Amino acid sequence: MNKSELVASIAEKSELSKKDAEKALNGFLDSVQEALASGEKVQLVGFGTFEVRERKAREGRNPRNPEEVIKIPASLAPVFRSGKALKEAVNKK
């Protein structure tokens, strides 16, 4: 499912226009992005949790030249952990 299909599904289920559903989705995405950027965790009970985790610096190898070692710097990565209700809904089938 891509973004336009998700907007159409939200519009249908919530009886909103596609324009309003897209505004709502964009607002949600912007809010989650801002919260994660400021170091907060976003918890949606039953659905899941969005959070930021730190990745340590490490060494990697270039697959074209295995002898060449590349230093990969430390970084922050967004992570999603699914909640119990979402896991159960997915495993229902």
N, C-alpha and C. Protein backbone atom coordinates (compact mmCIF):
# COMPACT_ATOMS: atom_id res chain seq x y z
N MET A 1 0.86 -1.17 0.00
CA MET A 1 0.00 0.00 0.00
C MET A 1 0.90 1.23 0.00
N ASN A 2 0.66 2.14 -0.93
CA ASN A 2 1.42 3.38 -0.96
C ASN A 2 0.61 4.49 -0.29
N LYS A 3 1.18 5.70 -0.26
CA LYS A 3 0.55 6.80 0.47
C LYS A 3 -0.83 7.15 -0.09
N SER A 4 -0.97 7.20 -1.40
CA SER A 4 -2.27 7.58 -1.98
C SER A 4 -3.33 6.52 -1.68
N GLU A 5 -2.95 5.25 -1.68
CA GLU A 5 -3.90 4.19 -1.33
C GLU A 5 -4.27 4.28 0.16
N LEU A 6 -3.31 4.62 1.00
CA LEU A 6 -3.58 4.79 2.43
C LEU A 6 -4.53 5.97 2.65
N VAL A 7 -4.31 7.07 1.95
CA VAL A 7 -5.21 8.23 2.06
C VAL A 7 -6.62 7.85 1.64
N ALA A 8 -6.75 7.11 0.55
CA ALA A 8 -8.07 6.68 0.08
C ALA A 8 -8.74 5.78 1.11
N SER A 9 -7.99 4.87 1.73
CA SER A 9 -8.54 3.98 2.74
C SER A 9 -8.98 4.75 3.98
N ILE A 10 -8.16 5.72 4.41
CA ILE A 10 -8.53 6.55 5.57
C ILE A 10 -9.78 7.35 5.27
N ALA A 11 -9.86 7.92 4.07
CA ALA A 11 -11.02 8.72 3.68
C ALA A 11 -12.29 7.87 3.70
N GLU A 12 -12.20 6.65 3.20
CA GLU A 12 -13.35 5.76 3.15
C GLU A 12 -13.81 5.35 4.56
N LYS A 13 -12.86 4.96 5.40
CA LYS A 13 -13.20 4.46 6.73
C LYS A 13 -13.66 5.57 7.69
N SER A 14 -13.14 6.78 7.49
CA SER A 14 -13.49 7.88 8.40
C SER A 14 -14.54 8.82 7.82
N GLU A 15 -14.99 8.54 6.60
CA GLU A 15 -15.98 9.36 5.91
C GLU A 15 -15.52 10.80 5.77
N LEU A 16 -14.23 10.98 5.50
CA LEU A 16 -13.66 12.29 5.22
C LEU A 16 -13.39 12.38 3.72
N SER A 17 -13.19 13.60 3.23
CA SER A 17 -12.78 13.74 1.84
C SER A 17 -11.32 13.30 1.75
N LYS A 18 -10.89 12.97 0.55
CA LYS A 18 -9.49 12.56 0.39
C LYS A 18 -8.54 13.68 0.78
N LYS A 19 -8.94 14.90 0.50
CA LYS A 19 -8.11 16.07 0.84
C LYS A 19 -7.95 16.18 2.36
N ASP A 20 -9.05 16.02 3.10
CA ASP A 20 -8.99 16.08 4.56
C ASP A 20 -8.21 14.90 5.13
N ALA A 21 -8.39 13.72 4.54
CA ALA A 21 -7.66 12.54 5.01
C ALA A 21 -6.16 12.72 4.79
N GLU A 22 -5.79 13.30 3.66
CA GLU A 22 -4.37 13.55 3.40
C GLU A 22 -3.80 14.56 4.38
N LYS A 23 -4.57 15.60 4.70
CA LYS A 23 -4.13 16.58 5.70
C LYS A 23 -3.92 15.92 7.06
N ALA A 24 -4.84 15.05 7.43
CA ALA A 24 -4.74 14.35 8.72
C ALA A 24 -3.51 13.44 8.73
N LEU A 25 -3.29 12.69 7.66
CA LEU A 25 -2.14 11.80 7.58
C LEU A 25 -0.83 12.59 7.62
N ASN A 26 -0.76 13.68 6.85
CA ASN A 26 0.44 14.51 6.85
C ASN A 26 0.68 15.13 8.22
N GLY A 27 -0.39 15.53 8.91
CA GLY A 27 -0.26 16.07 10.26
C GLY A 27 0.29 15.02 11.21
N PHE A 28 -0.20 13.79 11.11
CA PHE A 28 0.29 12.71 11.95
C PHE A 28 1.77 12.45 11.69
N LEU A 29 2.13 12.35 10.40
CA LEU A 29 3.53 12.08 10.05
C LEU A 29 4.45 13.20 10.52
N ASP A 30 4.03 14.45 10.34
CA ASP A 30 4.84 15.59 10.79
C ASP A 30 5.01 15.58 12.31
N SER A 31 3.93 15.26 13.03
CA SER A 31 3.99 15.23 14.49
C SER A 31 4.93 14.15 14.99
N VAL A 32 4.87 12.97 14.39
CA VAL A 32 5.76 11.87 14.79
C VAL A 32 7.20 12.25 14.47
N GLN A 33 7.44 12.83 13.30
CA GLN A 33 8.79 13.22 12.90
C GLN A 33 9.36 14.26 13.86
N GLU A 34 8.57 15.27 14.22
CA GLU A 34 9.03 16.31 15.15
C GLU A 34 9.34 15.73 16.52
N ALA A 35 8.48 14.83 17.00
CA ALA A 35 8.69 14.22 18.31
C ALA A 35 9.98 13.40 18.32
N LEU A 36 10.20 12.61 17.28
CA LEU A 36 11.41 11.79 17.21
C LEU A 36 12.66 12.66 17.09
N ALA A 37 12.57 13.74 16.32
CA ALA A 37 13.71 14.63 16.15
C ALA A 37 14.09 15.30 17.47
N SER A 38 13.10 15.52 18.35
CA SER A 38 13.40 16.16 19.63
C SER A 38 13.72 15.13 20.72
N GLY A 39 13.81 13.86 20.33
CA GLY A 39 14.21 12.82 21.26
C GLY A 39 13.08 12.18 22.04
N GLU A 40 11.84 12.50 21.70
CA GLU A 40 10.69 11.91 22.39
C GLU A 40 10.33 10.56 21.78
N LYS A 41 9.54 9.82 22.55
CA LYS A 41 9.01 8.54 22.10
C LYS A 41 7.51 8.74 21.84
N VAL A 42 6.99 8.14 20.77
CA VAL A 42 5.56 8.24 20.45
C VAL A 42 4.96 6.86 20.67
N GLN A 43 4.05 6.76 21.66
CA GLN A 43 3.43 5.48 22.01
C GLN A 43 1.96 5.51 21.65
N LEU A 44 1.53 4.56 20.83
CA LEU A 44 0.13 4.39 20.48
C LEU A 44 -0.27 3.03 21.05
N VAL A 45 -0.95 3.04 22.18
CA VAL A 45 -1.26 1.81 22.91
C VAL A 45 -2.02 0.85 22.01
N GLY A 46 -1.54 -0.38 21.94
CA GLY A 46 -2.15 -1.41 21.12
C GLY A 46 -1.60 -1.45 19.71
N PHE A 47 -1.11 -0.31 19.21
CA PHE A 47 -0.58 -0.26 17.84
C PHE A 47 0.92 -0.42 17.83
N GLY A 48 1.63 0.45 18.56
CA GLY A 48 3.08 0.34 18.60
C GLY A 48 3.75 1.59 19.10
N THR A 49 5.07 1.57 19.08
CA THR A 49 5.87 2.67 19.60
C THR A 49 6.92 3.08 18.58
N PHE A 50 7.00 4.38 18.33
CA PHE A 50 8.05 4.95 17.50
C PHE A 50 9.08 5.54 18.45
N GLU A 51 10.36 5.22 18.23
CA GLU A 51 11.41 5.78 19.08
C GLU A 51 12.70 5.90 18.28
N VAL A 52 13.68 6.57 18.88
CA VAL A 52 14.97 6.75 18.24
C VAL A 52 16.00 5.95 19.02
N ARG A 53 16.84 5.20 18.29
CA ARG A 53 17.92 4.45 18.92
C ARG A 53 19.24 4.90 18.33
N GLU A 54 20.26 4.82 19.16
CA GLU A 54 21.59 5.21 18.72
C GLU A 54 22.31 4.01 18.12
N ARG A 55 22.91 4.22 16.97
CA ARG A 55 23.74 3.19 16.35
C ARG A 55 25.19 3.55 16.62
N LYS A 56 25.96 2.60 17.09
CA LYS A 56 27.36 2.86 17.39
C LYS A 56 28.18 2.95 16.10
N ALA A 57 29.31 3.63 16.20
CA ALA A 57 30.23 3.68 15.07
C ALA A 57 30.77 2.27 14.84
N ARG A 58 31.01 1.93 13.58
CA ARG A 58 31.49 0.60 13.27
C ARG A 58 32.30 0.62 11.97
N GLU A 59 32.92 -0.48 11.71
CA GLU A 59 33.68 -0.61 10.46
C GLU A 59 32.91 -1.49 9.50
N GLY A 60 32.94 -1.12 8.23
CA GLY A 60 32.28 -1.91 7.21
C GLY A 60 33.26 -2.21 6.09
N ARG A 61 32.84 -3.02 5.17
CA ARG A 61 33.69 -3.38 4.03
C ARG A 61 32.97 -3.07 2.73
N ASN A 62 33.74 -2.61 1.77
CA ASN A 62 33.22 -2.35 0.43
C ASN A 62 33.12 -3.69 -0.29
N PRO A 63 31.93 -4.11 -0.74
CA PRO A 63 31.80 -5.43 -1.40
C PRO A 63 32.61 -5.54 -2.69
N ARG A 64 32.90 -4.42 -3.33
CA ARG A 64 33.68 -4.47 -4.58
C ARG A 64 35.18 -4.67 -4.30
N ASN A 65 35.60 -4.21 -3.14
CA ASN A 65 37.01 -4.36 -2.76
C ASN A 65 37.04 -4.79 -1.30
N PRO A 66 36.95 -6.09 -1.02
CA PRO A 66 36.82 -6.59 0.35
C PRO A 66 37.93 -6.16 1.30
N GLU A 67 39.11 -5.82 0.77
CA GLU A 67 40.19 -5.42 1.65
C GLU A 67 39.98 -4.01 2.20
N GLU A 68 39.21 -3.19 1.49
CA GLU A 68 39.01 -1.79 1.88
C GLU A 68 38.05 -1.70 3.06
N VAL A 69 38.51 -1.09 4.16
CA VAL A 69 37.69 -0.93 5.36
C VAL A 69 37.13 0.49 5.37
N ILE A 70 35.83 0.59 5.61
CA ILE A 70 35.16 1.88 5.65
C ILE A 70 34.71 2.13 7.08
N LYS A 71 34.95 3.32 7.60
CA LYS A 71 34.49 3.68 8.93
C LYS A 71 33.10 4.28 8.80
N ILE A 72 32.12 3.65 9.47
CA ILE A 72 30.74 4.13 9.46
C ILE A 72 30.51 4.87 10.77
N PRO A 73 30.17 6.17 10.70
CA PRO A 73 30.03 6.95 11.93
C PRO A 73 28.78 6.57 12.72
N ALA A 74 28.77 6.93 14.01
CA ALA A 74 27.59 6.71 14.85
C ALA A 74 26.44 7.56 14.32
N SER A 75 25.22 7.08 14.49
CA SER A 75 24.06 7.82 14.02
C SER A 75 22.84 7.46 14.84
N LEU A 76 21.78 8.22 14.64
CA LEU A 76 20.50 7.95 15.27
C LEU A 76 19.57 7.34 14.22
N ALA A 77 18.79 6.34 14.61
CA ALA A 77 17.90 5.66 13.66
C ALA A 77 16.50 5.56 14.24
N PRO A 78 15.47 5.93 13.48
CA PRO A 78 14.10 5.74 13.96
C PRO A 78 13.75 4.25 13.94
N VAL A 79 12.99 3.82 14.96
CA VAL A 79 12.62 2.41 15.10
C VAL A 79 11.14 2.33 15.45
N PHE A 80 10.47 1.32 14.91
CA PHE A 80 9.06 1.06 15.27
C PHE A 80 8.97 -0.31 15.89
N ARG A 81 8.36 -0.38 17.06
CA ARG A 81 8.08 -1.66 17.72
C ARG A 81 6.57 -1.84 17.73
N SER A 82 6.09 -2.93 17.17
CA SER A 82 4.65 -3.15 17.11
C SER A 82 4.11 -3.54 18.48
N GLY A 83 2.87 -3.14 18.73
CA GLY A 83 2.20 -3.46 19.98
C GLY A 83 1.51 -4.81 19.92
N LYS A 84 1.05 -5.26 21.06
CA LYS A 84 0.44 -6.58 21.17
C LYS A 84 -0.79 -6.73 20.27
N ALA A 85 -1.68 -5.74 20.27
CA ALA A 85 -2.90 -5.83 19.47
C ALA A 85 -2.59 -5.90 17.98
N LEU A 86 -1.59 -5.14 17.52
CA LEU A 86 -1.20 -5.18 16.11
C LEU A 86 -0.62 -6.53 15.75
N LYS A 87 0.23 -7.07 16.62
CA LYS A 87 0.81 -8.40 16.37
C LYS A 87 -0.28 -9.46 16.28
N GLU A 88 -1.25 -9.38 17.17
CA GLU A 88 -2.34 -10.36 17.16
C GLU A 88 -3.19 -10.23 15.91
N ALA A 89 -3.46 -9.00 15.48
CA ALA A 89 -4.26 -8.78 14.28
C ALA A 89 -3.56 -9.33 13.03
N VAL A 90 -2.25 -9.15 12.97
CA VAL A 90 -1.48 -9.63 11.82
C VAL A 90 -1.40 -11.16 11.82
N ASN A 91 -1.29 -11.75 12.99
CA ASN A 91 -1.14 -13.21 13.09
C ASN A 91 -2.47 -13.93 13.11
N LYS A 92 -3.57 -13.23 12.98
CA LYS A 92 -4.91 -13.82 13.04
C LYS A 92 -5.16 -14.77 11.87
N LYS A 93 -4.59 -14.45 10.72
CA LYS A 93 -4.85 -15.23 9.51
C LYS A 93 -4.15 -16.55 9.50
